[in-house]
Amino acid sequence: MKLNIYSKNNNMYKYKLKEATPTSAKAYQQKRIDAFDEIEARLNNLYPIISNAKNETAEYYQENPGSYAVVKPTDLILDYIKDIEDLIKPQ
């Protein structure tokens, strides 16, 4: 028995790939602008977290005055902030 790949009963090509419908430029641009609202909100949420981390670090060093332990990775955080500044500063 031979399989006829061109027959109507062959389901091999039943599913077609569809290209994603391109969004309009206006919708795309609005999405990019709206992302800044999320960025601002997340940055604002960092303020209390940073304050708590500072307090936790100060408390740890008061309890362990001879310690050189890194309680929170401030150098890494500062590097990330610098990278963000570099990404968004005017050219």
Foldseek 3Di string as FASTA:
>chain_A
DDDDCPDPPNCPPVDDDDDPDDDDPVVVVVVVVVVVVVVVVVVVVCVVVVVVQVVVVVVVCVVVVVDPDDSDPPVVVVVVVVVVCVVPPDD
